């Protein structure tokens, strides 16, 4: 399994290349430091789902 490029996914989300992406509970520990350091994280929101998966998408303006 190849490691995901969370930084690129955040940039793709912010630029509109993708509408959303999911983070599983297993990925969260790797994703969280990248998200916390992301300059535009205040523009992104997460929706929690049963089972612990999070869906990240751009906040509606």
PDB file of N, CA and C in Angstrom:
ATOM      1  N   UNK A   1       0.845  -1.194   0.000  1.00  0.00           N
ATOM      2  CA  UNK A   1       0.000   0.000   0.000  1.00  0.00           C
ATOM      3  C   UNK A   1       0.885   1.250   0.000  1.00  0.00           C
ATOM      4  N   UNK A   2       0.617   2.142  -0.903  1.00  0.00           N
ATOM      5  CA  UNK A   2       1.403   3.370  -0.959  1.00  0.00           C
ATOM      6  C   UNK A   2       0.821   4.393   0.010  1.00  0.00           C
ATOM      7  N   UNK A   3       1.696   5.187   0.582  1.00  0.00           N
ATOM      8  CA  UNK A   3       1.276   6.206   1.535  1.00  0.00           C
ATOM      9  C   UNK A   3       0.637   7.368   0.785  1.00  0.00           C
ATOM     10  N   UNK A   4      -0.461   7.865   1.302  1.00  0.00           N
ATOM     11  CA  UNK A   4      -1.162   8.984   0.677  1.00  0.00           C
ATOM     12  C   UNK A   4      -0.405  10.283   0.907  1.00  0.00           C
ATOM     13  N   UNK A   5      -0.537  11.185  -0.055  1.00  0.00           N
ATOM     14  CA  UNK A   5       0.042  12.523   0.063  1.00  0.00           C
ATOM     15  C   UNK A   5      -1.059  13.453   0.568  1.00  0.00           C
ATOM     16  N   UNK A   6      -1.169  13.541   1.886  1.00  0.00           N
ATOM     17  CA  UNK A   6      -2.245  14.329   2.487  1.00  0.00           C
ATOM     18  C   UNK A   6      -2.123  15.808   2.150  1.00  0.00           C
ATOM     19  N   UNK A   7      -0.900  16.299   2.079  1.00  0.00           N
ATOM     20  CA  UNK A   7      -0.681  17.711   1.715  1.00  0.00           C
ATOM     21  C   UNK A   7      -1.268  17.990   0.333  1.00  0.00           C
ATOM     22  N   UNK A   8      -1.023  17.088  -0.620  1.00  0.00           N
ATOM     23  CA  UNK A   8      -1.540  17.265  -1.977  1.00  0.00           C
ATOM     24  C   UNK A   8      -3.064  17.173  -1.987  1.00  0.00           C
ATOM     25  N   UNK A   9      -3.621  16.270  -1.207  1.00  0.00           N
ATOM     26  CA  UNK A   9      -5.080  16.151  -1.149  1.00  0.00           C
ATOM     27  C   UNK A   9      -5.707  17.423  -0.589  1.00  0.00           C
ATOM     28  N   UNK A  10      -5.083  18.026   0.411  1.00  0.00           N
ATOM     29  CA  UNK A  10      -5.581  19.284   0.955  1.00  0.00           C
ATOM     30  C   UNK A  10      -5.505  20.391  -0.093  1.00  0.00           C
ATOM     31  N   UNK A  11      -4.415  20.440  -0.840  1.00  0.00           N
ATOM     32  CA  UNK A  11      -4.275  21.442  -1.899  1.00  0.00           C
ATOM     33  C   UNK A  11      -5.306  21.209  -3.011  1.00  0.00           C
ATOM     34  N   UNK A  12      -5.510  19.952  -3.389  1.00  0.00           N
ATOM     35  CA  UNK A  12      -6.505  19.629  -4.417  1.00  0.00           C
ATOM     36  C   UNK A  12      -7.903  20.016  -3.962  1.00  0.00           C
ATOM     37  N   UNK A  13      -8.195  19.822  -2.697  1.00  0.00           N
ATOM     38  CA  UNK A  13      -9.490  20.205  -2.141  1.00  0.00           C
ATOM     39  C   UNK A  13      -9.653  21.717  -2.200  1.00  0.00           C
ATOM     40  N   UNK A  14      -8.661  22.423  -1.754  1.00  0.00           N
ATOM     41  CA  UNK A  14      -8.724  23.884  -1.712  1.00  0.00           C
ATOM     42  C   UNK A  14      -8.818  24.501  -3.102  1.00  0.00           C
ATOM     43  N   UNK A  15      -8.142  23.892  -4.082  1.00  0.00           N
ATOM     44  CA  UNK A  15      -8.152  24.436  -5.443  1.00  0.00           C
ATOM     45  C   UNK A  15      -9.373  23.994  -6.257  1.00  0.00           C
ATOM     46  N   UNK A  16     -10.170  23.079  -5.709  1.00  0.00           N
ATOM     47  CA  UNK A  16     -11.372  22.640  -6.412  1.00  0.00           C
ATOM     48  C   UNK A  16     -11.170  21.433  -7.307  1.00  0.00           C
ATOM     49  N   UNK A  17      -9.977  20.839  -7.311  1.00  0.00           N
ATOM     50  CA  UNK A  17      -9.740  19.647  -8.129  1.00  0.00           C
ATOM     51  C   UNK A  17     -10.550  18.462  -7.627  1.00  0.00           C
ATOM     52  N   UNK A  18     -10.766  18.415  -6.311  1.00  0.00           N
ATOM     53  CA  UNK A  18     -11.618  17.393  -5.717  1.00  0.00           C
ATOM     54  C   UNK A  18     -12.617  18.077  -4.796  1.00  0.00           C
ATOM     55  N   UNK A  19     -13.761  17.439  -4.552  1.00  0.00           N
ATOM     56  CA  UNK A  19     -14.797  18.030  -3.697  1.00  0.00           C
ATOM     57  C   UNK A  19     -14.656  17.619  -2.241  1.00  0.00           C
ATOM     58  N   UNK A  20     -14.075  16.439  -2.026  1.00  0.00           N
ATOM     59  CA  UNK A  20     -13.938  15.928  -0.665  1.00  0.00           C
ATOM     60  C   UNK A  20     -12.986  14.741  -0.674  1.00  0.00           C
ATOM     61  N   UNK A  21     -12.546  14.353   0.522  1.00  0.00           N
ATOM     62  CA  UNK A  21     -11.803  13.109   0.675  1.00  0.00           C
ATOM     63  C   UNK A  21     -12.048  12.568   2.068  1.00  0.00           C
ATOM     64  N   UNK A  22     -11.866  11.264   2.212  1.00  0.00           N
ATOM     65  CA  UNK A  22     -12.129  10.586   3.475  1.00  0.00           C
ATOM     66  C   UNK A  22     -10.837  10.169   4.146  1.00  0.00           C
ATOM     67  N   UNK A  23     -10.859  10.222   5.466  1.00  0.00           N
ATOM     68  CA  UNK A  23      -9.764   9.741   6.305  1.00  0.00           C
ATOM     69  C   UNK A  23     -10.342   8.673   7.231  1.00  0.00           C
ATOM     70  N   UNK A  24      -9.741   7.505   7.218  1.00  0.00           N
ATOM     71  CA  UNK A  24     -10.195   6.420   8.083  1.00  0.00           C
ATOM     72  C   UNK A  24      -9.550   6.560   9.464  1.00  0.00           C
ATOM     73  N   UNK A  25     -10.105   5.889  10.457  1.00  0.00           N
ATOM     74  CA  UNK A  25      -9.488   5.942  11.789  1.00  0.00           C
ATOM     75  C   UNK A  25      -8.021   5.485  11.768  1.00  0.00           C
ATOM     76  N   UNK A  26      -7.697   4.530  10.910  1.00  0.00           N
ATOM     77  CA  UNK A  26      -6.322   4.031  10.814  1.00  0.00           C
ATOM     78  C   UNK A  26      -5.365   5.080  10.246  1.00  0.00           C
ATOM     79  N   UNK A  27      -5.869   5.963   9.406  1.00  0.00           N
ATOM     80  CA  UNK A  27      -5.039   6.995   8.772  1.00  0.00           C
ATOM     81  C   UNK A  27      -4.923   8.262   9.613  1.00  0.00           C
ATOM     82  N   UNK A  28      -5.816   8.420  10.587  1.00  0.00           N
ATOM     83  CA  UNK A  28      -5.928   9.692  11.292  1.00  0.00           C
ATOM     84  C   UNK A  28      -4.627  10.141  11.941  1.00  0.00           C
ATOM     85  N   UNK A  29      -3.895   9.248  12.570  1.00  0.00           N
ATOM     86  CA  UNK A  29      -2.644   9.621  13.250  1.00  0.00           C
ATOM     87  C   UNK A  29      -1.611  10.176  12.277  1.00  0.00           C
ATOM     88  N   UNK A  30      -1.597   9.689  11.050  1.00  0.00           N
ATOM     89  CA  UNK A  30      -0.671  10.215  10.036  1.00  0.00           C
ATOM     90  C   UNK A  30      -1.181  11.533   9.447  1.00  0.00           C
ATOM     91  N   UNK A  31      -2.497  11.636   9.286  1.00  0.00           N
ATOM     92  CA  UNK A  31      -3.092  12.811   8.658  1.00  0.00           C
ATOM     93  C   UNK A  31      -3.095  14.037   9.577  1.00  0.00           C
ATOM     94  N   UNK A  32      -3.368  13.847  10.847  1.00  0.00           N
ATOM     95  CA  UNK A  32      -3.581  14.967  11.769  1.00  0.00           C
ATOM     96  C   UNK A  32      -2.425  15.966  11.811  1.00  0.00           C
ATOM     97  N   UNK A  33      -1.153  15.544  11.915  1.00  0.00           N
ATOM     98  CA  UNK A  33      -0.070  16.546  11.929  1.00  0.00           C
ATOM     99  C   UNK A  33       0.019  17.348  10.626  1.00  0.00           C
ATOM    100  N   UNK A  34      -0.289  16.703   9.506  1.00  0.00           N
ATOM    101  CA  UNK A  34      -0.268  17.408   8.217  1.00  0.00           C
ATOM    102  C   UNK A  34      -1.385  18.445   8.190  1.00  0.00           C
ATOM    103  N   UNK A  35      -2.564  18.042   8.631  1.00  0.00           N
ATOM    104  CA  UNK A  35      -3.702  18.963   8.658  1.00  0.00           C
ATOM    105  C   UNK A  35      -3.454  20.122   9.617  1.00  0.00           C
ATOM    106  N   UNK A  36      -2.929  19.826  10.773  1.00  0.00           N
ATOM    107  CA  UNK A  36      -2.671  20.869  11.773  1.00  0.00           C
ATOM    108  C   UNK A  36      -1.670  21.912  11.252  1.00  0.00           C
ATOM    109  N   UNK A  37      -0.713  21.479  10.447  1.00  0.00           N
ATOM    110  CA  UNK A  37       0.307  22.382   9.911  1.00  0.00           C
ATOM    111  C   UNK A  37      -0.144  23.082   8.629  1.00  0.00           C
ATOM    112  N   UNK A  38      -1.298  22.674   8.085  1.00  0.00           N
ATOM    113  CA  UNK A  38      -1.765  23.225   6.814  1.00  0.00           C
ATOM    114  C   UNK A  38      -2.226  24.670   6.996  1.00  0.00           C
ATOM    115  N   UNK A  39      -1.685  25.543   6.199  1.00  0.00           N
ATOM    116  CA  UNK A  39      -1.921  26.986   6.330  1.00  0.00           C
ATOM    117  C   UNK A  39      -3.394  27.369   6.200  1.00  0.00           C
ATOM    118  N   UNK A  40      -4.150  26.644   5.386  1.00  0.00           N
ATOM    119  CA  UNK A  40      -5.538  27.020   5.097  1.00  0.00           C
ATOM    120  C   UNK A  40      -6.555  26.089   5.773  1.00  0.00           C
ATOM    121  N   UNK A  41      -6.169  25.459   6.876  1.00  0.00           N
ATOM    122  CA  UNK A  41      -7.051  24.478   7.509  1.00  0.00           C
ATOM    123  C   UNK A  41      -8.368  25.087   7.989  1.00  0.00           C
ATOM    124  N   UNK A  42      -8.399  26.390   8.261  1.00  0.00           N
ATOM    125  CA  UNK A  42      -9.644  27.012   8.718  1.00  0.00           C
ATOM    126  C   UNK A  42     -10.696  27.067   7.610  1.00  0.00           C
ATOM    127  N   UNK A  43     -10.288  26.829   6.363  1.00  0.00           N
ATOM    128  CA  UNK A  43     -11.221  26.829   5.239  1.00  0.00           C
ATOM    129  C   UNK A  43     -11.820  25.443   5.003  1.00  0.00           C
ATOM    130  N   UNK A  44     -11.391  24.470   5.795  1.00  0.00           N
ATOM    131  CA  UNK A  44     -11.794  23.077   5.586  1.00  0.00           C
ATOM    132  C   UNK A  44     -12.534  22.589   6.819  1.00  0.00           C
ATOM    133  N   UNK A  45     -13.604  21.812   6.572  1.00  0.00           N
ATOM    134  CA  UNK A  45     -14.363  21.232   7.670  1.00  0.00           C
ATOM    135  C   UNK A  45     -14.426  19.722   7.509  1.00  0.00           C
ATOM    136  N   UNK A  46     -14.653  19.057   8.618  1.00  0.00           N
ATOM    137  CA  UNK A  46     -14.750  17.601   8.615  1.00  0.00           C
ATOM    138  C   UNK A  46     -16.113  17.184   9.125  1.00  0.00           C
ATOM    139  N   UNK A  47     -16.621  16.123   8.523  1.00  0.00           N
ATOM    140  CA  UNK A  47     -17.866  15.522   8.976  1.00  0.00           C
ATOM    141  C   UNK A  47     -17.550  14.108   9.448  1.00  0.00           C
ATOM    142  N   UNK A  48     -17.923  13.804  10.675  1.00  0.00           N
ATOM    143  CA  UNK A  48     -17.650  12.482  11.244  1.00  0.00           C
ATOM    144  C   UNK A  48     -18.780  11.523  10.894  1.00  0.00           C
ATOM    145  N   UNK A  49     -18.407  10.288  10.620  1.00  0.00           N
ATOM    146  CA  UNK A  49     -19.375   9.247  10.291  1.00  0.00           C
ATOM    147  C   UNK A  49     -19.266   8.110  11.300  1.00  0.00           C
ATOM    148  N   UNK A  50     -20.307   7.358  11.394  1.00  0.00           N
ATOM    149  CA  UNK A  50     -20.300   6.182  12.264  1.00  0.00           C
ATOM    150  C   UNK A  50     -19.158   5.269  11.845  1.00  0.00           C
ATOM    151  N   UNK A  51     -18.405   4.789  12.788  1.00  0.00           N
ATOM    152  CA  UNK A  51     -17.252   3.951  12.489  1.00  0.00           C
ATOM    153  C   UNK A  51     -15.947   4.724  12.518  1.00  0.00           C
ATOM    154  N   UNK A  52     -16.032   6.065  12.612  1.00  0.00           N
ATOM    155  CA  UNK A  52     -14.830   6.860  12.773  1.00  0.00           C
ATOM    156  C   UNK A  52     -14.245   7.481  11.526  1.00  0.00           C
ATOM    157  N   UNK A  53     -14.819   7.221  10.362  1.00  0.00           N
ATOM    158  CA  UNK A  53     -14.323   7.849   9.137  1.00  0.00           C
ATOM    159  C   UNK A  53     -14.718   9.322   9.130  1.00  0.00           C
ATOM    160  N   UNK A  54     -13.803  10.153   8.665  1.00  0.00           N
ATOM    161  CA  UNK A  54     -14.047  11.593   8.546  1.00  0.00           C
ATOM    162  C   UNK A  54     -14.031  11.986   7.076  1.00  0.00           C
ATOM    163  N   UNK A  55     -14.984  12.814   6.671  1.00  0.00           N
ATOM    164  CA  UNK A  55     -15.021  13.357   5.322  1.00  0.00           C
ATOM    165  C   UNK A  55     -14.631  14.829   5.410  1.00  0.00           C
ATOM    166  N   UNK A  56     -13.584  15.191   4.708  1.00  0.00           N
ATOM    167  CA  UNK A  56     -13.113  16.582   4.689  1.00  0.00           C
ATOM    168  C   UNK A  56     -13.572  17.240   3.400  1.00  0.00           C
ATOM    169  N   UNK A  57     -14.079  18.474   3.543  1.00  0.00           N
ATOM    170  CA  UNK A  57     -14.498  19.260   2.370  1.00  0.00           C
ATOM    171  C   UNK A  57     -14.303  20.730   2.675  1.00  0.00           C
ATOM    172  N   UNK A  58     -14.325  21.532   1.630  1.00  0.00           N
ATOM    173  CA  UNK A  58     -14.176  22.974   1.777  1.00  0.00           C
ATOM    174  C   UNK A  58     -15.438  23.532   2.432  1.00  0.00           C
ATOM    175  N   UNK A  59     -15.267  24.464   3.344  1.00  0.00           N
ATOM    176  CA  UNK A  59     -16.429  25.117   3.969  1.00  0.00           C
ATOM    177  C   UNK A  59     -17.156  25.922   2.918  1.00  0.00           C
ATOM    178  N   UNK A  60     -18.475  25.920   3.035  1.00  0.00           N
ATOM    179  CA  UNK A  60     -19.271  26.747   2.127  1.00  0.00           C
ATOM    180  C   UNK A  60     -19.158  28.190   2.586  1.00  0.00           C
ATOM    181  N   UNK A  61     -19.032  29.081   1.641  1.00  0.00           N
ATOM    182  CA  UNK A  61     -18.879  30.508   1.961  1.00  0.00           C
ATOM    183  C   UNK A  61     -20.218  31.176   2.125  1.00  0.00           C
TER     184      UNK A  61
END
